[in-house]
Amino acid sequence: MDYGTDLASHGRLDSKGQVSTVSGVYNVKQSLTNRLKTYNGTYSYIDEDYGSYLKDYVSLDDDKTNQSLVCLELETQCLKDERVESALATYENGEYKLNVILINGEELKLEDILW
């Protein structure tokens, strides 16, 4: 499955002095990372729906309602990428877990996405 190629977000040049790129599943990982780390509305002049509201939950109480809202936000944002088949986020033992299945069946975890 071809997941495309994009410019690498890290901003470093490759060994030939060219702008680095990411391809395949690494492109999907980078895309999901960028979407989750970008505050919704930051790039509204390009896409009004790009980005997440995860930052809004940082200062809120760590209760079941807010944990559920964070899980919903993680899932919703991941599912906006057409290369994602399914996304399931949970809160267990004090940490968030995210399981993303790509359209080719490959599985990604939260630590694969938010590195």
Foldseek 3Di string as FASTA:
>chain_A
DWPDKDFDPVQDAPPVRHGDMDTDVVVLLAQLLVQAPDDQPPVVVVPNGGHFPLVVLPPDDPDPVSQVVNQVRSFVSSVVDQQWPGKGWDADPHDIWIWTAGPVRDIDIPVSRND
